[in-house]
Structures are given as structure tokens and as C-alpha cells.
N, C-alpha and C. Protein backbone atom coordinates (compact mmCIF):
# COMPACT_ATOMS: atom_id res chain seq x y z
N MET A 1 32.00 40.35 2.18
CA MET A 1 30.72 40.85 2.31
C MET A 1 30.29 40.45 0.00
N ARG A 2 32.02 40.73 0.09
CA ARG A 2 32.07 40.43 -1.67
C ARG A 2 31.31 38.92 -2.38
N THR A 3 31.21 38.58 -1.79
CA THR A 3 31.00 37.26 -1.97
C THR A 3 29.58 36.59 -1.76
N ALA A 4 29.28 37.91 -0.61
CA ALA A 4 27.63 37.45 -0.72
C ALA A 4 26.87 38.04 -1.88
N ARG A 5 27.47 38.93 -2.36
CA ARG A 5 26.63 39.65 -3.22
C ARG A 5 27.29 38.95 -4.49
N PHE A 6 28.42 38.67 -5.02
CA PHE A 6 28.05 37.66 -6.02
C PHE A 6 26.96 36.36 -6.59
N SER A 7 27.49 35.93 -4.50
CA SER A 7 25.96 34.65 -5.01
C SER A 7 24.50 35.49 -4.77
N LEU A 8 24.70 36.73 -4.52
CA LEU A 8 22.76 36.62 -5.39
C LEU A 8 23.23 36.85 -6.66
N VAL A 9 23.52 38.00 -6.88
CA VAL A 9 23.84 38.00 -8.95
C VAL A 9 23.75 37.06 -9.03
N LEU A 10 24.69 36.45 -9.02
CA LEU A 10 24.83 34.93 -8.97
C LEU A 10 22.97 34.29 -9.33
N GLY A 11 22.59 33.65 -8.55
CA GLY A 11 21.59 33.62 -7.51
C GLY A 11 20.11 34.14 -8.58
N VAL A 12 20.24 35.19 -9.35
CA VAL A 12 19.30 36.05 -9.65
C VAL A 12 19.79 35.69 -11.28
N LEU A 13 20.73 35.90 -11.79
CA LEU A 13 21.30 35.45 -13.66
C LEU A 13 21.08 33.72 -13.19
N MET A 14 21.07 33.44 -12.53
CA MET A 14 20.54 31.56 -12.56
C MET A 14 19.00 31.39 -13.31
N ALA A 15 18.04 32.81 -12.37
CA ALA A 15 16.48 32.34 -12.00
C ALA A 15 16.24 33.48 -13.64
N LEU A 16 17.02 34.30 -13.60
CA LEU A 16 16.28 35.08 -15.43
C LEU A 16 16.63 33.58 -15.94
N TRP A 17 17.89 32.99 -16.16
CA TRP A 17 18.22 32.13 -17.26
C TRP A 17 16.84 31.17 -17.37
N SER A 18 17.09 30.63 -16.41
CA SER A 18 16.64 29.52 -16.37
C SER A 18 14.59 29.69 -16.84
N ALA A 19 14.57 30.73 -16.44
CA ALA A 19 12.79 31.13 -16.92
C ALA A 19 12.75 32.16 -18.38
N GLU A 20 13.37 32.47 -19.20
CA GLU A 20 13.59 32.30 -19.98
C GLU A 20 14.00 30.82 -21.25
N ALA A 21 14.27 30.21 -20.47
CA ALA A 21 14.77 28.87 -20.81
C ALA A 21 13.05 28.05 -20.89
N GLY A 22 12.78 28.29 -19.78
CA GLY A 22 11.08 26.91 -19.76
C GLY A 22 11.58 26.04 -19.01
N ALA A 23 12.60 26.28 -18.06
CA ALA A 23 13.11 24.98 -16.98
C ALA A 23 12.21 25.18 -15.44
N PHE A 24 10.65 25.45 -15.48
CA PHE A 24 9.65 24.93 -14.24
C PHE A 24 9.61 23.96 -14.24
N PRO A 25 9.17 22.97 -13.18
CA PRO A 25 9.54 22.02 -12.34
C PRO A 25 7.56 22.01 -13.17
N ILE A 26 6.96 20.59 -13.50
CA ILE A 26 5.34 20.43 -13.23
C ILE A 26 5.22 20.22 -11.70
N PRO A 27 3.85 21.49 -11.95
CA PRO A 27 3.38 21.14 -10.37
C PRO A 27 2.89 20.04 -9.62
N PRO A 28 3.37 20.00 -9.01
CA PRO A 28 2.06 18.24 -8.24
C PRO A 28 -0.03 18.46 -8.20
N GLN A 29 -0.24 17.66 -8.35
CA GLN A 29 -1.83 17.50 -8.45
C GLN A 29 -2.34 17.07 -7.18
N THR A 30 -2.83 17.98 -6.81
CA THR A 30 -3.59 17.67 -5.55
C THR A 30 -4.47 16.81 -5.51
N LEU A 31 -4.91 15.58 -4.73
CA LEU A 31 -5.87 14.12 -4.41
C LEU A 31 -6.74 15.04 -5.38
N ARG A 32 -7.87 15.38 -5.14
CA ARG A 32 -8.89 16.25 -5.52
C ARG A 32 -9.01 16.47 -7.54
N MET A 33 -7.35 17.18 -8.12
CA MET A 33 -7.75 17.28 -9.15
C MET A 33 -6.70 15.75 -10.16
N LEU A 34 -6.62 14.76 -8.93
CA LEU A 34 -6.31 13.69 -9.48
C LEU A 34 -7.86 12.64 -9.67
N THR A 35 -9.24 13.11 -8.44
CA THR A 35 -9.86 12.75 -8.64
C THR A 35 -10.59 12.83 -9.65
N ASN A 36 -10.82 14.39 -10.14
CA ASN A 36 -11.77 14.49 -11.00
C ASN A 36 -11.17 14.47 -12.21
N GLU A 37 -9.61 14.15 -12.55
CA GLU A 37 -9.67 14.16 -13.66
C GLU A 37 -8.92 12.45 -13.96
N SER A 38 -9.91 11.55 -13.48
CA SER A 38 -9.42 10.03 -13.46
C SER A 38 -10.73 9.36 -13.81
N GLU A 39 -10.35 8.65 -15.08
CA GLU A 39 -11.60 8.17 -14.82
C GLU A 39 -12.27 6.61 -14.45
N LEU A 40 -11.28 6.17 -13.97
CA LEU A 40 -11.19 4.62 -13.01
C LEU A 40 -10.20 5.01 -11.99
N ILE A 41 -10.41 4.82 -11.25
CA ILE A 41 -9.53 4.83 -9.80
C ILE A 41 -9.72 3.86 -9.27
N VAL A 42 -8.78 2.38 -8.81
CA VAL A 42 -9.15 1.05 -8.88
C VAL A 42 -8.13 1.42 -7.44
N SER A 43 -8.47 0.17 -6.27
CA SER A 43 -7.75 -0.28 -5.80
C SER A 43 -7.40 -1.47 -6.18
N ALA A 44 -6.06 -1.78 -6.19
CA ALA A 44 -5.36 -3.14 -6.98
C ALA A 44 -3.88 -3.57 -7.02
N GLU A 45 -3.92 -4.76 -7.31
CA GLU A 45 -2.71 -6.07 -6.91
C GLU A 45 -2.13 -5.86 -7.79
N VAL A 46 -0.43 -5.62 -7.83
CA VAL A 46 0.13 -5.69 -9.24
C VAL A 46 0.82 -6.74 -9.32
N GLU A 47 0.18 -7.64 -10.54
CA GLU A 47 0.51 -9.44 -10.70
C GLU A 47 1.56 -9.52 -11.54
N LYS A 48 2.19 -8.56 -12.57
CA LYS A 48 3.35 -8.56 -12.88
C LYS A 48 4.03 -7.71 -14.13
N ILE A 49 5.02 -7.35 -14.07
CA ILE A 49 5.70 -6.05 -14.86
C ILE A 49 6.02 -6.33 -16.18
N THR A 50 6.50 -5.77 -16.63
CA THR A 50 6.08 -5.85 -18.05
C THR A 50 7.45 -4.56 -18.99
N LEU A 51 8.67 -4.81 -19.08
CA LEU A 51 9.56 -4.04 -19.41
C LEU A 51 9.42 -4.28 -21.19
N ILE A 52 9.47 -3.11 -21.99
CA ILE A 52 9.62 -3.48 -23.85
C ILE A 52 10.36 -2.04 -23.66
N LYS A 53 12.25 -2.59 -24.19
CA LYS A 53 12.93 -0.91 -25.02
C LYS A 53 12.49 -0.95 -26.42
N GLY A 54 12.53 0.27 -26.35
CA GLY A 54 12.13 1.17 -27.77
C GLY A 54 13.03 1.36 -28.32
N GLU A 55 13.03 1.75 -29.46
CA GLU A 55 13.92 1.79 -30.39
C GLU A 55 14.90 3.34 -29.69
N ASP A 56 14.34 4.20 -29.41
CA ASP A 56 14.94 5.19 -28.89
C ASP A 56 15.76 4.49 -27.72
N GLY A 57 16.05 3.44 -27.08
CA GLY A 57 16.56 2.73 -25.93
C GLY A 57 15.58 3.31 -24.28
N PHE A 58 14.96 3.64 -24.58
CA PHE A 58 14.01 3.89 -23.75
C PHE A 58 12.84 2.92 -23.26
N ASN A 59 12.79 2.53 -21.83
CA ASN A 59 11.65 1.31 -22.25
C ASN A 59 10.32 2.56 -22.02
N THR A 60 9.42 1.10 -22.06
CA THR A 60 8.02 1.52 -21.84
C THR A 60 7.72 0.13 -20.72
N GLY A 61 6.83 0.54 -19.77
CA GLY A 61 5.81 -0.54 -18.75
C GLY A 61 4.90 -0.96 -19.35
N ILE A 62 4.82 -2.40 -18.38
CA ILE A 62 3.10 -2.53 -18.67
C ILE A 62 3.22 -3.48 -17.18
N ALA A 63 2.03 -2.04 -16.29
CA ALA A 63 1.99 -3.28 -14.90
C ALA A 63 0.77 -3.56 -15.01
N LEU A 64 0.52 -5.70 -15.28
CA LEU A 64 -0.75 -6.12 -14.87
C LEU A 64 -1.32 -5.93 -13.63
N LEU A 65 -2.37 -5.35 -13.35
CA LEU A 65 -3.12 -4.98 -12.58
C LEU A 65 -4.75 -5.12 -12.23
N ASN A 66 -4.53 -6.40 -10.15
CA ASN A 66 -5.43 -7.33 -10.59
C ASN A 66 -6.59 -6.39 -9.92
N ILE A 67 -7.91 -6.02 -10.43
CA ILE A 67 -8.76 -5.15 -9.80
C ILE A 67 -8.81 -5.74 -8.53
N LEU A 68 -8.88 -4.74 -6.95
CA LEU A 68 -9.43 -5.57 -5.60
C LEU A 68 -10.49 -5.01 -5.46
N SER A 69 -10.60 -3.65 -5.29
CA SER A 69 -12.03 -2.87 -5.80
C SER A 69 -11.95 -1.42 -6.22
N ILE A 70 -13.87 -1.39 -6.56
CA ILE A 70 -13.08 -0.32 -7.66
C ILE A 70 -13.84 1.32 -6.62
N VAL A 71 -13.34 2.16 -6.63
CA VAL A 71 -13.18 3.33 -6.58
C VAL A 71 -14.43 4.56 -7.01
N LYS A 72 -13.95 4.64 -8.03
CA LYS A 72 -14.48 5.50 -9.16
C LYS A 72 -14.61 4.49 -10.34
N GLY A 73 -15.95 5.13 -11.41
CA GLY A 73 -15.28 4.46 -12.92
C GLY A 73 -16.18 3.41 -12.46
N ALA A 74 -16.33 1.97 -13.84
CA ALA A 74 -16.70 1.03 -14.07
C ALA A 74 -15.68 0.67 -15.15
N GLU A 75 -15.27 -1.03 -14.94
CA GLU A 75 -14.48 -1.50 -15.74
C GLU A 75 -14.99 -3.41 -16.01
N GLY A 76 -15.30 -3.63 -17.05
CA GLY A 76 -15.92 -4.99 -16.90
C GLY A 76 -14.95 -6.11 -16.80
N SER A 77 -13.28 -6.02 -16.78
CA SER A 77 -12.74 -7.44 -16.71
C SER A 77 -12.44 -7.19 -15.04
N GLN A 78 -11.64 -7.90 -14.66
CA GLN A 78 -11.25 -8.49 -13.58
C GLN A 78 -9.92 -7.87 -13.61
N SER A 79 -9.35 -7.30 -14.29
CA SER A 79 -8.21 -6.67 -14.58
C SER A 79 -7.39 -5.68 -15.73
N VAL A 80 -6.51 -5.17 -15.10
CA VAL A 80 -6.01 -3.56 -16.29
C VAL A 80 -4.79 -3.82 -16.66
N ASP A 81 -4.29 -3.15 -17.93
CA ASP A 81 -2.62 -2.72 -18.36
C ASP A 81 -2.98 -1.62 -18.22
N VAL A 82 -1.78 -1.23 -17.29
CA VAL A 82 -0.84 0.32 -17.63
C VAL A 82 0.28 0.53 -17.84
N TYR A 83 0.39 1.31 -19.00
CA TYR A 83 1.31 1.53 -19.97
C TYR A 83 1.98 3.33 -19.90
N TYR A 84 3.48 2.34 -18.44
CA TYR A 84 3.87 3.74 -18.10
C TYR A 84 5.36 3.84 -18.73
N GLU A 85 5.93 5.02 -18.34
CA GLU A 85 7.46 5.26 -19.20
C GLU A 85 8.22 5.49 -17.58
N PRO A 86 9.20 4.48 -17.33
CA PRO A 86 9.66 3.88 -15.91
C PRO A 86 10.94 4.82 -16.30
N ASP A 87 11.89 5.33 -17.13
CA ASP A 87 12.45 5.97 -17.42
C ASP A 87 12.31 7.64 -17.16
N MET A 88 11.70 8.09 -17.48
CA MET A 88 11.13 9.72 -17.32
C MET A 88 11.52 10.26 -15.61
N ILE A 89 12.43 10.96 -16.24
CA ILE A 89 13.38 11.48 -15.16
C ILE A 89 11.83 13.34 -14.28
N CYS A 90 11.15 13.56 -14.99
CA CYS A 90 10.44 14.34 -15.07
C CYS A 90 8.51 14.32 -16.49
N SER A 91 8.15 14.56 -15.12
CA SER A 91 7.74 14.73 -13.94
C SER A 91 7.96 13.06 -14.04
N ALA A 92 7.88 12.30 -12.00
CA ALA A 92 8.87 11.08 -11.40
C ALA A 92 7.23 9.90 -12.27
N PRO A 93 8.01 9.00 -12.64
CA PRO A 93 6.53 8.25 -12.94
C PRO A 93 6.58 7.52 -11.93
N PRO A 94 5.24 7.12 -12.24
CA PRO A 94 4.73 5.90 -11.44
C PRO A 94 5.76 4.87 -11.03
N HIS A 95 5.34 4.05 -10.09
CA HIS A 95 6.39 3.02 -9.63
C HIS A 95 5.45 1.68 -9.35
N TYR A 96 5.58 1.06 -10.29
CA TYR A 96 4.76 0.12 -9.50
C TYR A 96 5.57 -1.74 -9.25
N LYS A 97 5.47 -2.30 -7.76
CA LYS A 97 6.66 -3.43 -7.74
C LYS A 97 5.79 -4.46 -7.58
N GLU A 98 5.47 -5.74 -8.16
CA GLU A 98 5.38 -7.16 -8.34
C GLU A 98 4.57 -7.21 -7.09
N GLY A 99 3.73 -7.75 -6.51
CA GLY A 99 3.20 -7.98 -4.77
C GLY A 99 2.79 -7.17 -4.43
N ALA A 100 2.83 -5.96 -4.86
CA ALA A 100 2.16 -4.73 -4.01
C ALA A 100 1.30 -4.57 -4.42
N THR A 101 0.03 -3.45 -3.64
CA THR A 101 -1.18 -3.15 -3.53
C THR A 101 -0.48 -1.42 -3.90
N VAL A 102 -1.69 -0.98 -5.22
CA VAL A 102 -1.52 -0.03 -5.24
C VAL A 102 -3.21 1.06 -5.07
N LEU A 103 -3.68 1.82 -5.36
CA LEU A 103 -4.28 2.62 -5.27
C LEU A 103 -3.52 3.29 -6.45
N ALA A 104 -4.92 3.14 -8.04
CA ALA A 104 -4.11 3.59 -9.09
C ALA A 104 -5.70 4.94 -10.05
N PHE A 105 -5.59 5.97 -10.25
CA PHE A 105 -5.59 7.34 -10.46
C PHE A 105 -6.00 6.46 -12.38
N LEU A 106 -6.63 6.78 -12.48
CA LEU A 106 -6.09 6.15 -14.49
C LEU A 106 -7.43 6.73 -15.33
N THR A 107 -6.58 7.11 -16.41
CA THR A 107 -7.37 7.65 -17.38
C THR A 107 -6.27 6.66 -19.56
N ARG A 108 -8.64 6.65 -19.66
CA ARG A 108 -7.73 5.15 -21.15
C ARG A 108 -6.41 6.56 -22.09
N SER A 109 -5.78 6.02 -22.44
CA SER A 109 -5.19 6.63 -23.86
C SER A 109 -5.54 6.66 -24.96
N GLN A 110 -5.46 7.06 -25.80
CA GLN A 110 -5.82 6.80 -27.16
C GLN A 110 -4.81 6.46 -27.71
N PRO A 111 -4.84 5.16 -28.33
CA PRO A 111 -3.88 4.78 -29.62
C PRO A 111 -2.91 5.57 -30.53
N SER A 112 -1.76 5.30 -29.80
CA SER A 112 -0.93 5.82 -31.50
C SER A 112 -1.56 6.37 -32.97
N PRO A 113 -1.31 6.93 -33.30
CA PRO A 113 -1.38 6.33 -35.37
C PRO A 113 -0.18 5.58 -35.06
């Protein structure tokens, strides 16, 4: 009986501590949210993955996507480069594999100053 009380109190304390630290997970996005917020939605084949090692030790990935069809938006070219952070933990980064067909929900990013 004492063990059950201790684990309950410990659980409550841990929940309160994490609430103060702001350690809440990023909520998942619904398909409707992804569709509404995306400028370009494409079905594409992943042609090439390039990883660039940053000064901070983390990689930046560049996936070259060959567009098979456009679901939403307009794109003047037949391919698009998608920059992503493969070493990120939360939220989970996109996962690209050469030769795979993907449905990509994309927005244009502003260049860093």
C-alpha cells in the first residue's frame, strides 16, 4: 500500500515539475491542418539525399524531389530541393530515402539573414 502511494505522489510531482519546465510534446497536425498550411503538395520521387555537416555538429539534409504530380499549388520546375534537419529529435524530422515515392506537404522558407 505504501508503494502505491509513493509512486502516485512521485508521478504527481514529476508531472508538476515538467509542467513548470515547459516540457510538453509538440501536438501532431491533422491532415486538414497540413493541407491548409501547405503552399505546395506534391507526389514525388526522392532522387538524391545530401547531408551537410554544420559548425554545431548537426546535419542539414537536402532531399532532391522529382515531382510526379502536383496536388496543391503550382511549381515551375520538375524538381524541388527540400531542406530538413535529420538530427532533430522533437518533433520528428521528415525521413527521405533515395528512390522512395513521397507525398510532401511544403511551404517556402525565408532565407536566413
